Amino acid sequence: MAVVSAKPIFMNFHNTLFLITLFASVIVSGSLLAGDLTPGDAKWHDGEVVTIKGKVIEFRECSGEAFLDMGQRHPKEIFTIFCAPKTKISRKVLSRLEGKTISVTGKINVYQGRPEIILTSLDQMSHK
C-alpha cells in the first residue's frame, strides 16, 4: 500500500514565507493609507510630513509666538502647532480654533521632547 503525503499546501516553506510577506505588506500598506494621525501618534513621526487631526484644547500667545495645543493644556500638551512671530497669520483667526477639531499638515519636529508642526500658512490647516 502506497503512503500519500497529506501535507496541506500552506505547510510548504515557500508558501508559508509568501503568506507571511503578503500579510506584512498588507499591514504596512494599511498603515500608510490610514489617513490622518492623532496628536498622540505624532511623536513617532519625527521628520516626516504628515497630517495630524485633533481637537485644539488651548490657544496661547507668548512674545508674539502663537501656540495651538492638542491633547492637554500647556505644559502637558501632547502636540503643538507653532506659529512664529514673523508669520503673518492672524492670531484672532488662530484663537477661534480653540475647542474645534482641525487637521494640520506639515513636517513633525520634536522640540524639547514634544512634537510640533510649524505653521507658515493657513493653507496647512482645515477644520469642520
N, C-alpha and C. Protein backbone atom coordinates (compact mmCIF):
# COMPACT_ATOMS: atom_id res chain seq x y z
N MET A 1 0.85 -1.17 0.00
CA MET A 1 0.00 0.00 0.00
C MET A 1 0.90 1.23 0.00
N ALA A 2 0.62 2.16 -0.88
CA ALA A 2 1.42 3.37 -1.02
C ALA A 2 0.98 4.41 0.01
N VAL A 3 1.94 5.11 0.58
CA VAL A 3 1.65 6.18 1.54
C VAL A 3 1.66 7.50 0.79
N VAL A 4 0.57 8.22 0.88
CA VAL A 4 0.44 9.52 0.21
C VAL A 4 0.54 10.60 1.26
N SER A 5 1.39 11.55 1.00
CA SER A 5 1.55 12.66 1.94
C SER A 5 0.34 13.58 1.84
N ALA A 6 -0.27 13.81 2.96
CA ALA A 6 -1.44 14.70 3.01
C ALA A 6 -1.04 16.06 3.57
N LYS A 7 0.15 16.47 3.29
CA LYS A 7 0.67 17.74 3.79
C LYS A 7 -0.08 18.89 3.11
N PRO A 8 -0.77 19.70 3.89
CA PRO A 8 -1.51 20.82 3.28
C PRO A 8 -0.56 21.78 2.59
N ILE A 9 -1.06 22.47 1.58
CA ILE A 9 -0.24 23.37 0.79
C ILE A 9 0.35 24.51 1.63
N PHE A 10 -0.38 24.98 2.66
CA PHE A 10 0.13 26.09 3.45
C PHE A 10 1.30 25.69 4.35
N MET A 11 1.59 24.43 4.44
CA MET A 11 2.72 23.98 5.25
C MET A 11 4.03 24.02 4.47
N ASN A 12 3.96 24.17 3.18
CA ASN A 12 5.15 24.28 2.35
C ASN A 12 5.90 25.55 2.75
N PHE A 13 7.21 25.44 2.92
CA PHE A 13 8.03 26.58 3.38
C PHE A 13 7.86 27.80 2.50
N HIS A 14 7.91 27.63 1.19
CA HIS A 14 7.82 28.77 0.27
C HIS A 14 6.45 29.43 0.33
N ASN A 15 5.42 28.62 0.45
CA ASN A 15 4.08 29.19 0.55
C ASN A 15 3.89 29.91 1.88
N THR A 16 4.45 29.35 2.94
CA THR A 16 4.36 29.99 4.24
C THR A 16 5.08 31.34 4.22
N LEU A 17 6.28 31.35 3.63
CA LEU A 17 7.04 32.59 3.52
C LEU A 17 6.27 33.62 2.70
N PHE A 18 5.64 33.18 1.63
CA PHE A 18 4.84 34.07 0.79
C PHE A 18 3.69 34.68 1.59
N LEU A 19 2.99 33.85 2.36
CA LEU A 19 1.86 34.34 3.14
C LEU A 19 2.30 35.33 4.21
N ILE A 20 3.43 35.06 4.85
CA ILE A 20 3.95 35.99 5.86
C ILE A 20 4.30 37.33 5.22
N THR A 21 4.96 37.28 4.07
CA THR A 21 5.33 38.51 3.35
C THR A 21 4.08 39.27 2.92
N LEU A 22 3.11 38.56 2.41
CA LEU A 22 1.85 39.18 1.98
C LEU A 22 1.16 39.85 3.17
N PHE A 23 1.08 39.15 4.29
CA PHE A 23 0.44 39.68 5.49
C PHE A 23 1.17 40.94 5.97
N ALA A 24 2.49 40.91 6.00
CA ALA A 24 3.27 42.08 6.42
C ALA A 24 3.04 43.25 5.47
N SER A 25 2.95 42.99 4.18
CA SER A 25 2.72 44.05 3.20
C SER A 25 1.36 44.71 3.41
N VAL A 26 0.36 43.91 3.71
CA VAL A 26 -0.98 44.44 3.95
C VAL A 26 -0.97 45.33 5.19
N ILE A 27 -0.28 44.91 6.23
CA ILE A 27 -0.21 45.71 7.45
C ILE A 27 0.49 47.04 7.18
N VAL A 28 1.63 47.00 6.50
CA VAL A 28 2.39 48.22 6.22
C VAL A 28 1.60 49.15 5.31
N SER A 29 1.05 48.63 4.23
CA SER A 29 0.31 49.50 3.31
C SER A 29 -0.94 50.04 3.97
N GLY A 30 -1.56 49.28 4.84
CA GLY A 30 -2.74 49.76 5.56
C GLY A 30 -2.39 50.93 6.45
N SER A 31 -1.25 50.87 7.11
CA SER A 31 -0.86 51.97 7.98
C SER A 31 -0.46 53.20 7.17
N LEU A 32 0.10 53.00 5.98
CA LEU A 32 0.47 54.13 5.14
C LEU A 32 -0.75 54.83 4.55
N LEU A 33 -1.82 54.08 4.39
CA LEU A 33 -3.03 54.64 3.79
C LEU A 33 -4.08 54.99 4.84
N ALA A 34 -3.71 54.90 6.09
CA ALA A 34 -4.67 55.09 7.17
C ALA A 34 -5.22 56.51 7.26
N GLY A 35 -4.54 57.49 6.69
CA GLY A 35 -5.03 58.85 6.71
C GLY A 35 -4.42 59.64 7.84
N ASP A 36 -5.23 60.52 8.42
CA ASP A 36 -4.75 61.42 9.47
C ASP A 36 -4.26 60.67 10.69
N LEU A 37 -3.24 61.23 11.32
CA LEU A 37 -2.72 60.69 12.58
C LEU A 37 -3.33 61.46 13.73
N THR A 38 -3.32 60.86 14.91
CA THR A 38 -3.79 61.54 16.11
C THR A 38 -2.63 62.34 16.71
N PRO A 39 -2.92 63.31 17.57
CA PRO A 39 -1.84 64.04 18.23
C PRO A 39 -0.87 63.10 18.98
N GLY A 40 -1.38 62.04 19.56
CA GLY A 40 -0.53 61.08 20.26
C GLY A 40 0.39 60.30 19.36
N ASP A 41 0.02 60.16 18.08
CA ASP A 41 0.86 59.44 17.11
C ASP A 41 2.04 60.28 16.62
N ALA A 42 1.95 61.58 16.76
CA ALA A 42 2.92 62.50 16.16
C ALA A 42 4.36 62.21 16.59
N LYS A 43 4.55 61.84 17.85
CA LYS A 43 5.91 61.64 18.36
C LYS A 43 6.67 60.53 17.64
N TRP A 44 5.94 59.64 16.98
CA TRP A 44 6.56 58.52 16.27
C TRP A 44 6.93 58.89 14.84
N HIS A 45 6.68 60.12 14.43
CA HIS A 45 6.87 60.52 13.04
C HIS A 45 7.78 61.74 12.89
N ASP A 46 8.76 61.87 13.78
CA ASP A 46 9.70 62.99 13.75
C ASP A 46 10.38 63.07 12.38
N GLY A 47 10.35 64.25 11.77
CA GLY A 47 10.99 64.46 10.47
C GLY A 47 10.12 64.13 9.28
N GLU A 48 8.95 63.57 9.52
CA GLU A 48 8.06 63.20 8.42
C GLU A 48 7.00 64.29 8.19
N VAL A 49 6.55 64.39 6.95
CA VAL A 49 5.43 65.28 6.62
C VAL A 49 4.15 64.45 6.74
N VAL A 50 3.29 64.86 7.68
CA VAL A 50 2.06 64.12 7.97
C VAL A 50 0.91 65.09 8.20
N THR A 51 -0.27 64.52 8.33
CA THR A 51 -1.45 65.29 8.72
C THR A 51 -1.91 64.79 10.09
N ILE A 52 -2.04 65.72 11.02
CA ILE A 52 -2.50 65.43 12.37
C ILE A 52 -3.91 65.99 12.51
N LYS A 53 -4.80 65.16 13.03
CA LYS A 53 -6.17 65.62 13.25
C LYS A 53 -6.50 65.48 14.74
N GLY A 54 -6.96 66.58 15.32
CA GLY A 54 -7.31 66.54 16.74
C GLY A 54 -8.00 67.82 17.18
N LYS A 55 -8.45 67.81 18.42
CA LYS A 55 -9.15 68.95 18.99
C LYS A 55 -8.14 69.91 19.60
N VAL A 56 -8.30 71.19 19.27
CA VAL A 56 -7.45 72.23 19.87
C VAL A 56 -7.98 72.48 21.28
N ILE A 57 -7.16 72.13 22.25
CA ILE A 57 -7.54 72.29 23.66
C ILE A 57 -7.31 73.72 24.13
N GLU A 58 -6.24 74.33 23.59
CA GLU A 58 -5.88 75.65 24.09
C GLU A 58 -5.14 76.46 23.02
N PHE A 59 -5.49 77.73 22.93
CA PHE A 59 -4.72 78.70 22.15
C PHE A 59 -4.00 79.58 23.15
N ARG A 60 -2.71 79.85 22.90
CA ARG A 60 -1.96 80.75 23.79
C ARG A 60 -0.94 81.53 22.98
N GLU A 61 -0.58 82.70 23.52
CA GLU A 61 0.43 83.57 22.91
C GLU A 61 1.48 83.92 23.95
N CYS A 62 2.71 84.08 23.47
CA CYS A 62 3.80 84.50 24.34
C CYS A 62 4.87 85.17 23.48
N SER A 63 5.14 86.43 23.73
CA SER A 63 6.16 87.19 22.99
C SER A 63 5.97 87.13 21.48
N GLY A 64 4.73 87.21 21.04
CA GLY A 64 4.44 87.20 19.62
C GLY A 64 4.31 85.80 19.01
N GLU A 65 4.74 84.78 19.75
CA GLU A 65 4.58 83.40 19.28
C GLU A 65 3.18 82.92 19.62
N ALA A 66 2.61 82.11 18.75
CA ALA A 66 1.28 81.55 18.99
C ALA A 66 1.37 80.04 19.03
N PHE A 67 0.55 79.45 19.89
CA PHE A 67 0.56 78.01 20.07
C PHE A 67 -0.88 77.49 20.09
N LEU A 68 -1.12 76.43 19.35
CA LEU A 68 -2.38 75.69 19.42
C LEU A 68 -2.03 74.32 19.98
N ASP A 69 -2.49 74.04 21.19
CA ASP A 69 -2.14 72.80 21.87
C ASP A 69 -3.26 71.78 21.74
N MET A 70 -2.86 70.53 21.52
CA MET A 70 -3.80 69.42 21.41
C MET A 70 -3.49 68.39 22.49
N GLY A 71 -4.50 67.65 22.87
CA GLY A 71 -4.33 66.57 23.84
C GLY A 71 -4.56 67.03 25.27
N GLN A 72 -3.80 68.02 25.70
CA GLN A 72 -3.93 68.60 27.03
C GLN A 72 -3.47 70.06 26.98
N ARG A 73 -3.77 70.77 28.05
CA ARG A 73 -3.33 72.16 28.17
C ARG A 73 -1.83 72.21 28.46
N HIS A 74 -1.19 73.33 28.07
CA HIS A 74 0.20 73.58 28.41
C HIS A 74 0.35 73.61 29.92
N PRO A 75 1.32 72.99 30.52
CA PRO A 75 2.56 72.47 29.95
C PRO A 75 2.53 70.96 29.65
N LYS A 76 1.35 70.36 29.62
CA LYS A 76 1.27 68.91 29.39
C LYS A 76 0.70 68.57 28.02
N GLU A 77 0.81 69.52 27.08
CA GLU A 77 0.28 69.31 25.74
C GLU A 77 0.90 68.06 25.11
N ILE A 78 0.12 67.38 24.29
CA ILE A 78 0.58 66.17 23.59
C ILE A 78 1.22 66.56 22.26
N PHE A 79 0.67 67.60 21.64
CA PHE A 79 1.11 68.06 20.32
C PHE A 79 0.82 69.55 20.22
N THR A 80 1.70 70.27 19.53
CA THR A 80 1.54 71.72 19.38
C THR A 80 1.68 72.15 17.92
N ILE A 81 0.85 73.10 17.53
CA ILE A 81 1.01 73.80 16.27
C ILE A 81 1.64 75.14 16.65
N PHE A 82 2.83 75.40 16.13
CA PHE A 82 3.59 76.60 16.49
C PHE A 82 3.56 77.61 15.36
N CYS A 83 3.32 78.87 15.71
CA CYS A 83 3.30 79.95 14.72
C CYS A 83 4.27 81.04 15.19
N ALA A 84 5.34 81.24 14.44
CA ALA A 84 6.39 82.20 14.80
C ALA A 84 5.89 83.64 14.67
N PRO A 85 6.52 84.58 15.41
CA PRO A 85 6.10 85.99 15.36
C PRO A 85 6.13 86.59 13.96
N LYS A 86 7.11 86.19 13.14
CA LYS A 86 7.25 86.77 11.80
C LYS A 86 6.16 86.30 10.83
N THR A 87 5.45 85.24 11.19
CA THR A 87 4.39 84.71 10.32
C THR A 87 3.20 85.65 10.35
N LYS A 88 2.73 86.01 9.20
CA LYS A 88 1.63 86.98 9.11
C LYS A 88 0.27 86.29 9.14
N ILE A 89 0.09 85.40 10.11
CA ILE A 89 -1.19 84.73 10.29
C ILE A 89 -1.90 85.40 11.46
N SER A 90 -3.14 85.76 11.24
CA SER A 90 -3.91 86.46 12.26
C SER A 90 -4.06 85.61 13.52
N ARG A 91 -3.64 86.19 14.64
CA ARG A 91 -3.78 85.50 15.93
C ARG A 91 -5.26 85.37 16.29
N LYS A 92 -6.06 86.32 15.82
CA LYS A 92 -7.50 86.26 16.09
C LYS A 92 -8.12 85.03 15.41
N VAL A 93 -7.68 84.76 14.18
CA VAL A 93 -8.16 83.57 13.46
C VAL A 93 -7.74 82.31 14.20
N LEU A 94 -6.48 82.27 14.65
CA LEU A 94 -5.99 81.09 15.38
C LEU A 94 -6.75 80.91 16.70
N SER A 95 -7.02 81.99 17.39
CA SER A 95 -7.71 81.89 18.69
C SER A 95 -9.11 81.31 18.54
N ARG A 96 -9.73 81.52 17.41
CA ARG A 96 -11.09 80.99 17.16
C ARG A 96 -11.10 79.47 16.96
N LEU A 97 -9.93 78.88 16.81
CA LEU A 97 -9.85 77.43 16.61
C LEU A 97 -9.89 76.65 17.93
N GLU A 98 -9.74 77.35 19.05
CA GLU A 98 -9.80 76.68 20.35
C GLU A 98 -11.14 75.98 20.50
N GLY A 99 -11.10 74.69 20.88
CA GLY A 99 -12.32 73.90 21.04
C GLY A 99 -12.78 73.20 19.77
N LYS A 100 -12.14 73.49 18.65
CA LYS A 100 -12.53 72.88 17.37
C LYS A 100 -11.59 71.73 17.01
N THR A 101 -12.13 70.79 16.25
CA THR A 101 -11.32 69.70 15.71
C THR A 101 -10.79 70.15 14.36
N ILE A 102 -9.47 70.11 14.22
CA ILE A 102 -8.83 70.57 12.99
C ILE A 102 -7.84 69.52 12.49
N SER A 103 -7.42 69.70 11.26
CA SER A 103 -6.33 68.92 10.68
C SER A 103 -5.24 69.90 10.28
N VAL A 104 -4.00 69.51 10.52
CA VAL A 104 -2.85 70.33 10.14
C VAL A 104 -1.83 69.43 9.46
N THR A 105 -1.27 69.92 8.37
CA THR A 105 -0.28 69.15 7.62
C THR A 105 1.05 69.88 7.65
N GLY A 106 2.11 69.13 7.90
CA GLY A 106 3.44 69.70 7.92
C GLY A 106 4.45 68.70 8.42
N LYS A 107 5.68 69.17 8.52
CA LYS A 107 6.78 68.31 8.99
C LYS A 107 6.79 68.31 10.52
N ILE A 108 6.82 67.10 11.09
CA ILE A 108 6.89 66.97 12.54
C ILE A 108 8.32 67.27 13.01
N ASN A 109 8.41 68.16 13.98
CA ASN A 109 9.67 68.45 14.66
C ASN A 109 9.44 68.15 16.14
N VAL A 110 10.39 67.50 16.76
CA VAL A 110 10.29 67.30 18.21
C VAL A 110 11.13 68.39 18.87
N TYR A 111 10.46 69.24 19.63
CA TYR A 111 11.11 70.37 20.30
C TYR A 111 10.94 70.19 21.81
N GLN A 112 12.02 70.13 22.52
CA GLN A 112 12.02 69.91 23.97
C GLN A 112 11.16 68.71 24.36
N GLY A 113 11.29 67.64 23.55
CA GLY A 113 10.60 66.39 23.85
C GLY A 113 9.15 66.31 23.41
N ARG A 114 8.65 67.37 22.78
CA ARG A 114 7.24 67.38 22.36
C ARG A 114 7.14 67.61 20.85
N PRO A 115 6.26 66.87 20.18
CA PRO A 115 6.12 67.04 18.74
C PRO A 115 5.33 68.30 18.39
N GLU A 116 5.74 68.92 17.28
CA GLU A 116 5.05 70.12 16.81
C GLU A 116 5.14 70.20 15.29
N ILE A 117 4.23 70.97 14.73
CA ILE A 117 4.30 71.37 13.33
C ILE A 117 4.38 72.88 13.33
N ILE A 118 5.31 73.42 12.55
CA ILE A 118 5.45 74.87 12.43
C ILE A 118 4.50 75.35 11.34
N LEU A 119 3.61 76.22 11.72
CA LEU A 119 2.60 76.75 10.80
C LEU A 119 3.16 77.96 10.07
N THR A 120 3.18 77.88 8.75
CA THR A 120 3.66 79.02 7.94
C THR A 120 2.55 79.60 7.08
N SER A 121 1.44 78.86 6.97
CA SER A 121 0.32 79.28 6.12
C SER A 121 -0.98 78.64 6.64
N LEU A 122 -2.07 79.37 6.53
CA LEU A 122 -3.36 78.79 6.90
C LEU A 122 -3.76 77.66 5.96
N ASP A 123 -3.12 77.60 4.80
CA ASP A 123 -3.40 76.52 3.85
C ASP A 123 -3.01 75.14 4.40
N GLN A 124 -2.19 75.13 5.44
CA GLN A 124 -1.80 73.87 6.07
C GLN A 124 -2.91 73.29 6.93
N MET A 125 -3.93 74.09 7.24
CA MET A 125 -4.96 73.65 8.17
C MET A 125 -6.34 73.58 7.51
N SER A 126 -7.16 72.72 8.09
CA SER A 126 -8.58 72.67 7.71
C SER A 126 -9.37 72.28 8.96
N HIS A 127 -10.62 72.71 9.01
CA HIS A 127 -11.48 72.32 10.13
C HIS A 127 -12.92 72.26 9.65
N LYS A 128 -13.70 71.53 10.43
CA LYS A 128 -15.13 71.40 10.09
C LYS A 128 -15.97 72.15 11.07
